[in-house]
Amino acid sequence: MCRMIAFKADKNIDTNWILDILKGISEKGISSPHSDGWGYAVCGEGRETYNSSGAIFDSDKRLPQSRVGIIHSRKASKGYVVNLEHVHPFYATVRGRNYAFCHNGTIYDFASDEGTTDTQRYLELLVSNLEIYETKRALEITAAFVAENYRYTSINALLTDYENVWAIRQNAETNDTEHALFLYERDGVRIVSSEPVEKYGDLPGNSVEIKNGESIVL
């Protein structure tokens, strides 16, 4: 399992406090540590992406001023190696539109023999649906297909086109607390995270848990 966070603001802001929240979640949160790589895809004055095989809480990398983005901290599922090629986010271009994608959970018997992870396969399937459907619908159709045809713990995902963020929660177990998603809103900033952000930052507590099977757009 992994930890991830997404944000969207009304304007470019310093988002390193959001990065610091994910560092805390990754180091001290549920099933920690999550130390098998981390990365981000953000947009402010322009797009910026970053992937590292190191632990997020050991990194001194800082985010540029941004208004939208996703950040992911990996804990490799059993059977997967720890290397840069498997670090989220993953990237794709569909009909001239750039996307970044990350996932939390394990989809069993979904990866290929060539070393492609379950998340990379998830994105490949999503890309085929993005060729046909609008973004939110494509994400929902992809998650539904995976849920119907494969065993999994969680199909939770974050997707951005550097203007918007889509999030979906889909857990095999209805009361799964390890693979939750929460929505937090404050001062024109909306955040989706794997755990309540107020537990890891100096913030008033008003996180709302996203329901299992629900998808939202920031």
C-alpha atoms as a PDB file:
ATOM      1  CA  MET A   1       0.000   0.000   0.000  1.00  0.00           C
ATOM      2  CA  CYS A   2       1.033   3.604  -0.485  1.00  0.00           C
ATOM      3  CA  ARG A   3       0.160   7.099   0.697  1.00  0.00           C
ATOM      4  CA  MET A   4      -0.911   9.920  -1.585  1.00  0.00           C
ATOM      5  CA  ILE A   5      -2.259  13.447  -1.574  1.00  0.00           C
ATOM      6  CA  ALA A   6      -3.739  15.815  -4.142  1.00  0.00           C
ATOM      7  CA  PHE A   7      -4.532  19.503  -4.054  1.00  0.00           C
ATOM      8  CA  LYS A   8      -6.170  22.273  -6.035  1.00  0.00           C
ATOM      9  CA  ALA A   9      -6.084  25.967  -5.130  1.00  0.00           C
ATOM     10  CA  ASP A  10      -7.668  29.096  -6.560  1.00  0.00           C
ATOM     11  CA  LYS A  11      -4.216  30.495  -7.365  1.00  0.00           C
ATOM     12  CA  ASN A  12      -0.539  29.584  -7.157  1.00  0.00           C
ATOM     13  CA  ILE A  13       0.459  29.050  -3.536  1.00  0.00           C
ATOM     14  CA  ASP A  14       3.348  27.650  -1.526  1.00  0.00           C
ATOM     15  CA  THR A  15       2.330  23.983  -1.269  1.00  0.00           C
ATOM     16  CA  ASN A  16       5.312  22.693   0.691  1.00  0.00           C
ATOM     17  CA  TRP A  17       3.109  22.440   3.781  1.00  0.00           C
ATOM     18  CA  ILE A  18       1.084  19.877   1.818  1.00  0.00           C
ATOM     19  CA  LEU A  19       4.270  18.026   0.937  1.00  0.00           C
ATOM     20  CA  ASP A  20       5.255  18.075   4.625  1.00  0.00           C
ATOM     21  CA  ILE A  21       1.900  16.543   5.562  1.00  0.00           C
ATOM     22  CA  LEU A  22       2.526  13.613   3.204  1.00  0.00           C
ATOM     23  CA  LYS A  23       6.010  13.252   4.668  1.00  0.00           C
ATOM     24  CA  GLY A  24       4.459  12.872   8.117  1.00  0.00           C
ATOM     25  CA  ILE A  25       1.844  10.424   6.896  1.00  0.00           C
ATOM     26  CA  SER A  26       4.514   8.377   5.103  1.00  0.00           C
ATOM     27  CA  GLU A  27       6.850   8.239   8.087  1.00  0.00           C
ATOM     28  CA  LYS A  28       4.369   7.888  10.950  1.00  0.00           C
ATOM     29  CA  GLY A  29       0.960   7.031   9.515  1.00  0.00           C
ATOM     30  CA  ILE A  30      -0.888   3.779   8.897  1.00  0.00           C
ATOM     31  CA  SER A  31       1.394   0.869   7.905  1.00  0.00           C
ATOM     32  CA  SER A  32       4.398   3.191   7.914  1.00  0.00           C
ATOM     33  CA  PRO A  33       7.075   3.656   6.821  1.00  0.00           C
ATOM     34  CA  HIS A  34       6.324   4.230   3.145  1.00  0.00           C
ATOM     35  CA  SER A  35       9.866   4.561   1.915  1.00  0.00           C
ATOM     36  CA  ASP A  36      10.112   2.865  -1.500  1.00  0.00           C
ATOM     37  CA  GLY A  37      10.138   6.019  -3.612  1.00  0.00           C
ATOM     38  CA  TRP A  38       8.081   9.130  -4.119  1.00  0.00           C
ATOM     39  CA  GLY A  39       7.120  11.618  -6.777  1.00  0.00           C
ATOM     40  CA  TYR A  40       4.873  14.466  -7.785  1.00  0.00           C
ATOM     41  CA  ALA A  41       3.194  16.129 -10.734  1.00  0.00           C
ATOM     42  CA  VAL A  42       2.244  19.778 -10.172  1.00  0.00           C
ATOM     43  CA  CYS A  43       1.378  22.866 -12.159  1.00  0.00           C
ATOM     44  CA  GLY A  44       1.910  26.535 -11.336  1.00  0.00           C
ATOM     45  CA  GLU A  45       3.604  28.759 -13.881  1.00  0.00           C
ATOM     46  CA  GLY A  46       4.259  25.541 -15.768  1.00  0.00           C
ATOM     47  CA  ARG A  47       4.159  21.775 -15.287  1.00  0.00           C
ATOM     48  CA  GLU A  48       6.780  20.068 -13.150  1.00  0.00           C
ATOM     49  CA  THR A  49       7.203  16.344 -12.456  1.00  0.00           C
ATOM     50  CA  TYR A  50       9.603  14.497 -10.210  1.00  0.00           C
ATOM     51  CA  ASN A  51      10.254  10.855  -9.334  1.00  0.00           C
ATOM     52  CA  SER A  52      12.768   9.499  -6.821  1.00  0.00           C
ATOM     53  CA  SER A  53      13.560   6.022  -5.519  1.00  0.00           C
ATOM     54  CA  GLY A  54      14.350   7.445  -2.064  1.00  0.00           C
ATOM     55  CA  ALA A  55      12.058   7.942   0.913  1.00  0.00           C
ATOM     56  CA  ILE A  56       9.944  11.091   0.838  1.00  0.00           C
ATOM     57  CA  PHE A  57      10.702  11.895   4.486  1.00  0.00           C
ATOM     58  CA  ASP A  58      14.453  11.788   3.822  1.00  0.00           C
ATOM     59  CA  SER A  59      14.256  14.189   0.879  1.00  0.00           C
ATOM     60  CA  ASP A  60      15.005  17.916   0.943  1.00  0.00           C
ATOM     61  CA  LYS A  61      13.298  18.429  -2.431  1.00  0.00           C
ATOM     62  CA  ARG A  62      10.768  21.250  -2.326  1.00  0.00           C
ATOM     63  CA  LEU A  63       7.757  22.007  -4.520  1.00  0.00           C
ATOM     64  CA  PRO A  64       7.450  25.046  -6.759  1.00  0.00           C
ATOM     65  CA  GLN A  65       4.538  27.408  -6.202  1.00  0.00           C
ATOM     66  CA  SER A  66       1.568  25.540  -7.643  1.00  0.00           C
ATOM     67  CA  ARG A  67      -2.206  25.554  -7.876  1.00  0.00           C
ATOM     68  CA  VAL A  68      -2.824  21.885  -8.686  1.00  0.00           C
ATOM     69  CA  GLY A  69      -1.003  18.601  -8.259  1.00  0.00           C
ATOM     70  CA  ILE A  70      -0.642  15.072  -6.933  1.00  0.00           C
ATOM     71  CA  ILE A  71       2.085  13.616  -4.699  1.00  0.00           C
ATOM     72  CA  HIS A  72       2.657   9.911  -4.022  1.00  0.00           C
ATOM     73  CA  SER A  73       4.775   7.975  -1.543  1.00  0.00           C
ATOM     74  CA  ARG A  74       5.303   4.311  -2.332  1.00  0.00           C
ATOM     75  CA  LYS A  75       5.357   1.190  -0.219  1.00  0.00           C
ATOM     76  CA  ALA A  76       5.966  -1.604  -2.697  1.00  0.00           C
ATOM     77  CA  SER A  77       3.450  -4.425  -2.737  1.00  0.00           C
ATOM     78  CA  LYS A  78       4.744  -7.925  -2.069  1.00  0.00           C
ATOM     79  CA  GLY A  79       6.478  -9.318  -5.130  1.00  0.00           C
ATOM     80  CA  TYR A  80       7.455  -5.954  -6.624  1.00  0.00           C
ATOM     81  CA  VAL A  81      10.997  -4.647  -6.689  1.00  0.00           C
ATOM     82  CA  VAL A  82      11.954  -1.208  -5.463  1.00  0.00           C
ATOM     83  CA  ASN A  83      13.214   0.844  -8.401  1.00  0.00           C
ATOM     84  CA  LEU A  84      12.670   4.184 -10.082  1.00  0.00           C
ATOM     85  CA  GLU A  85      10.644   2.705 -12.955  1.00  0.00           C
ATOM     86  CA  HIS A  86       7.916   1.687 -10.501  1.00  0.00           C
ATOM     87  CA  VAL A  87       7.653   5.006  -8.676  1.00  0.00           C
ATOM     88  CA  HIS A  88       4.405   6.943  -9.056  1.00  0.00           C
ATOM     89  CA  PRO A  89       3.143   9.160 -10.611  1.00  0.00           C
ATOM     90  CA  PHE A  90       3.030   7.594 -14.044  1.00  0.00           C
ATOM     91  CA  TYR A  91       2.430   9.715 -17.130  1.00  0.00           C
ATOM     92  CA  ALA A  92       0.455   9.561 -20.361  1.00  0.00           C
ATOM     93  CA  THR A  93      -0.719  11.801 -23.192  1.00  0.00           C
ATOM     94  CA  VAL A  94      -4.204  11.184 -24.593  1.00  0.00           C
ATOM     95  CA  ARG A  95      -5.611  13.214 -27.500  1.00  0.00           C
ATOM     96  CA  GLY A  96      -3.024  15.913 -26.850  1.00  0.00           C
ATOM     97  CA  ARG A  97      -3.821  16.136 -23.133  1.00  0.00           C
ATOM     98  CA  ASN A  98      -1.142  15.359 -20.544  1.00  0.00           C
ATOM     99  CA  TYR A  99      -2.025  13.248 -17.505  1.00  0.00           C
ATOM    100  CA  ALA A 100      -0.306  12.073 -14.327  1.00  0.00           C
ATOM    101  CA  PHE A 101      -1.673   9.119 -12.359  1.00  0.00           C
ATOM    102  CA  CYS A 102      -1.068   7.368  -9.041  1.00  0.00           C
ATOM    103  CA  HIS A 103      -2.722   4.488  -7.197  1.00  0.00           C
ATOM    104  CA  ASN A 104      -2.915   3.042  -3.696  1.00  0.00           C
ATOM    105  CA  GLY A 105      -3.519  -0.656  -3.202  1.00  0.00           C
ATOM    106  CA  THR A 106      -2.788  -4.003  -4.811  1.00  0.00           C
ATOM    107  CA  ILE A 107      -4.522  -5.521  -7.831  1.00  0.00           C
ATOM    108  CA  TYR A 108      -3.673  -9.212  -7.917  1.00  0.00           C
ATOM    109  CA  ASP A 109      -2.729 -11.108 -11.110  1.00  0.00           C
ATOM    110  CA  PHE A 110      -2.875  -7.828 -13.027  1.00  0.00           C
ATOM    111  CA  ALA A 111       0.817  -7.131 -13.637  1.00  0.00           C
ATOM    112  CA  SER A 112       2.680  -8.539 -16.641  1.00  0.00           C
ATOM    113  CA  ASP A 113       5.653 -10.875 -16.785  1.00  0.00           C
ATOM    114  CA  GLU A 114       7.720  -8.058 -18.297  1.00  0.00           C
ATOM    115  CA  GLY A 115       7.891  -6.217 -14.981  1.00  0.00           C
ATOM    116  CA  THR A 116       4.935  -3.894 -15.484  1.00  0.00           C
ATOM    117  CA  THR A 117       3.252  -3.208 -12.151  1.00  0.00           C
ATOM    118  CA  ASP A 118      -0.453  -3.362 -11.404  1.00  0.00           C
ATOM    119  CA  THR A 119      -0.583   0.454 -11.374  1.00  0.00           C
ATOM    120  CA  GLN A 120       1.017   0.685 -14.812  1.00  0.00           C
ATOM    121  CA  ARG A 121      -1.532  -1.777 -16.158  1.00  0.00           C
ATOM    122  CA  TYR A 122      -4.282   0.234 -14.459  1.00  0.00           C
ATOM    123  CA  LEU A 123      -3.079   3.338 -16.304  1.00  0.00           C
ATOM    124  CA  GLU A 124      -2.856   1.489 -19.626  1.00  0.00           C
ATOM    125  CA  LEU A 125      -6.494   0.479 -19.284  1.00  0.00           C
ATOM    126  CA  LEU A 126      -7.456   3.994 -18.207  1.00  0.00           C
ATOM    127  CA  VAL A 127      -5.731   5.480 -21.252  1.00  0.00           C
ATOM    128  CA  SER A 128      -7.805   3.271 -23.563  1.00  0.00           C
ATOM    129  CA  ASN A 129     -10.970   4.561 -21.897  1.00  0.00           C
ATOM    130  CA  LEU A 130      -9.783   8.187 -22.002  1.00  0.00           C
ATOM    131  CA  GLU A 131      -9.670   7.810 -25.776  1.00  0.00           C
ATOM    132  CA  ILE A 132     -13.453   7.319 -25.682  1.00  0.00           C
ATOM    133  CA  TYR A 133     -14.955   8.904 -22.560  1.00  0.00           C
ATOM    134  CA  GLU A 134     -14.647  12.156 -20.639  1.00  0.00           C
ATOM    135  CA  THR A 135     -12.152  11.951 -17.791  1.00  0.00           C
ATOM    136  CA  LYS A 136     -14.323  11.233 -14.749  1.00  0.00           C
ATOM    137  CA  ARG A 137     -16.361   8.649 -16.620  1.00  0.00           C
ATOM    138  CA  ALA A 138     -13.216   6.972 -17.962  1.00  0.00           C
ATOM    139  CA  LEU A 139     -11.815   6.647 -14.449  1.00  0.00           C
ATOM    140  CA  GLU A 140     -15.075   5.203 -13.132  1.00  0.00           C
ATOM    141  CA  ILE A 141     -15.374   2.696 -15.994  1.00  0.00           C
ATOM    142  CA  THR A 142     -11.774   1.581 -15.532  1.00  0.00           C
ATOM    143  CA  ALA A 143     -12.150   1.067 -11.785  1.00  0.00           C
ATOM    144  CA  ALA A 144     -15.415  -0.832 -12.304  1.00  0.00           C
ATOM    145  CA  PHE A 145     -13.780  -3.158 -14.835  1.00  0.00           C
ATOM    146  CA  VAL A 146     -10.884  -3.921 -12.508  1.00  0.00           C
ATOM    147  CA  ALA A 147     -13.229  -4.497  -9.562  1.00  0.00           C
ATOM    148  CA  GLU A 148     -15.350  -6.911 -11.575  1.00  0.00           C
ATOM    149  CA  ASN A 149     -12.522  -8.933 -13.079  1.00  0.00           C
ATOM    150  CA  TYR A 150      -9.664  -9.000 -10.562  1.00  0.00           C
ATOM    151  CA  ARG A 151      -8.996  -9.549  -6.886  1.00  0.00           C
ATOM    152  CA  TYR A 152      -7.762  -6.391  -5.214  1.00  0.00           C
ATOM    153  CA  THR A 153      -7.353  -4.586  -1.940  1.00  0.00           C
ATOM    154  CA  SER A 154      -7.891  -1.092  -3.294  1.00  0.00           C
ATOM    155  CA  ILE A 155      -8.250   0.668  -6.640  1.00  0.00           C
ATOM    156  CA  ASN A 156      -7.971   4.140  -5.096  1.00  0.00           C
ATOM    157  CA  ALA A 157      -6.468   6.547  -7.617  1.00  0.00           C
ATOM    158  CA  LEU A 158      -5.600  10.178  -8.254  1.00  0.00           C
ATOM    159  CA  LEU A 159      -5.487  11.589 -11.782  1.00  0.00           C
ATOM    160  CA  THR A 160      -4.571  15.088 -12.931  1.00  0.00           C
ATOM    161  CA  ASP A 161      -4.391  16.890 -16.259  1.00  0.00           C
ATOM    162  CA  TYR A 162      -2.560  19.751 -14.522  1.00  0.00           C
ATOM    163  CA  GLU A 163      -5.781  21.778 -14.423  1.00  0.00           C
ATOM    164  CA  ASN A 164      -8.063  19.479 -12.420  1.00  0.00           C
ATOM    165  CA  VAL A 165      -7.728  16.467 -10.151  1.00  0.00           C
ATOM    166  CA  TRP A 166      -9.985  13.415 -10.179  1.00  0.00           C
ATOM    167  CA  ALA A 167     -10.035  11.021  -7.243  1.00  0.00           C
ATOM    168  CA  ILE A 168     -11.755   7.670  -6.830  1.00  0.00           C
ATOM    169  CA  ARG A 169     -12.080   5.384  -3.826  1.00  0.00           C
ATOM    170  CA  GLN A 170     -12.792   1.728  -4.472  1.00  0.00           C
ATOM    171  CA  ASN A 171     -11.953  -0.780  -1.712  1.00  0.00           C
ATOM    172  CA  ALA A 172     -12.643  -4.494  -1.719  1.00  0.00           C
ATOM    173  CA  GLU A 173     -13.578  -4.308   1.961  1.00  0.00           C
ATOM    174  CA  THR A 174     -16.273  -1.748   2.757  1.00  0.00           C
ATOM    175  CA  ASN A 175     -14.776  -0.739   6.109  1.00  0.00           C
ATOM    176  CA  ASP A 176     -11.149  -0.669   4.928  1.00  0.00           C
ATOM    177  CA  THR A 177      -9.363   1.995   6.988  1.00  0.00           C
ATOM    178  CA  GLU A 178      -5.909   1.394   5.482  1.00  0.00           C
ATOM    179  CA  HIS A 179      -7.021   2.433   1.996  1.00  0.00           C
ATOM    180  CA  ALA A 180      -9.243   5.394   2.824  1.00  0.00           C
ATOM    181  CA  LEU A 181      -9.449   8.810   1.157  1.00  0.00           C
ATOM    182  CA  PHE A 182     -10.397  12.087   2.834  1.00  0.00           C
ATOM    183  CA  LEU A 183     -11.439  15.480   1.472  1.00  0.00           C
ATOM    184  CA  TYR A 184     -10.261  18.633   3.254  1.00  0.00           C
ATOM    185  CA  GLU A 185     -11.115  22.237   2.339  1.00  0.00           C
ATOM    186  CA  ARG A 186      -9.646  25.464   3.693  1.00  0.00           C
ATOM    187  CA  ASP A 187      -9.011  28.999   2.393  1.00  0.00           C
ATOM    188  CA  GLY A 188      -9.649  28.162  -1.244  1.00  0.00           C
ATOM    189  CA  VAL A 189      -7.559  24.965  -1.159  1.00  0.00           C
ATOM    190  CA  ARG A 190      -9.109  21.509  -1.593  1.00  0.00           C
ATOM    191  CA  ILE A 191      -7.076  18.439  -0.627  1.00  0.00           C
ATOM    192  CA  VAL A 192      -7.639  14.707  -1.007  1.00  0.00           C
ATOM    193  CA  SER A 193      -5.380  12.516   1.121  1.00  0.00           C
ATOM    194  CA  SER A 194      -4.944   8.944   2.329  1.00  0.00           C
ATOM    195  CA  GLU A 195      -5.316  10.061   5.951  1.00  0.00           C
ATOM    196  CA  PRO A 196      -6.842  13.158   7.610  1.00  0.00           C
ATOM    197  CA  VAL A 197      -4.407  16.020   7.011  1.00  0.00           C
ATOM    198  CA  GLU A 198      -5.095  17.691  10.365  1.00  0.00           C
ATOM    199  CA  LYS A 199      -3.370  14.775  12.114  1.00  0.00           C
ATOM    200  CA  TYR A 200      -0.064  15.784  10.515  1.00  0.00           C
ATOM    201  CA  GLY A 201      -0.310  19.553  10.190  1.00  0.00           C
ATOM    202  CA  ASP A 202      -1.323  22.555  12.271  1.00  0.00           C
ATOM    203  CA  LEU A 203      -4.822  22.663  10.800  1.00  0.00           C
ATOM    204  CA  PRO A 204      -8.379  22.751  12.151  1.00  0.00           C
ATOM    205  CA  GLY A 205     -10.031  19.383  11.756  1.00  0.00           C
ATOM    206  CA  ASN A 206     -12.740  19.140   9.126  1.00  0.00           C
ATOM    207  CA  SER A 207     -11.713  16.238   6.893  1.00  0.00           C
ATOM    208  CA  VAL A 208     -14.630  14.312   5.396  1.00  0.00           C
ATOM    209  CA  GLU A 209     -14.153  10.677   4.438  1.00  0.00           C
ATOM    210  CA  ILE A 210     -14.863   9.924   0.791  1.00  0.00           C
ATOM    211  CA  LYS A 211     -17.304   7.032   0.540  1.00  0.00           C
ATOM    212  CA  ASN A 212     -16.302   3.677  -0.882  1.00  0.00           C
ATOM    213  CA  GLY A 213     -17.243   3.662  -4.559  1.00  0.00           C
ATOM    214  CA  GLU A 214     -17.307   7.468  -4.799  1.00  0.00           C
ATOM    215  CA  SER A 215     -15.383   9.613  -7.277  1.00  0.00           C
ATOM    216  CA  ILE A 216     -14.892  13.381  -7.038  1.00  0.00           C
ATOM    217  CA  VAL A 217     -13.347  16.236  -9.000  1.00  0.00           C
ATOM    218  CA  LEU A 218     -11.316  18.966  -7.316  1.00  0.00           C
END
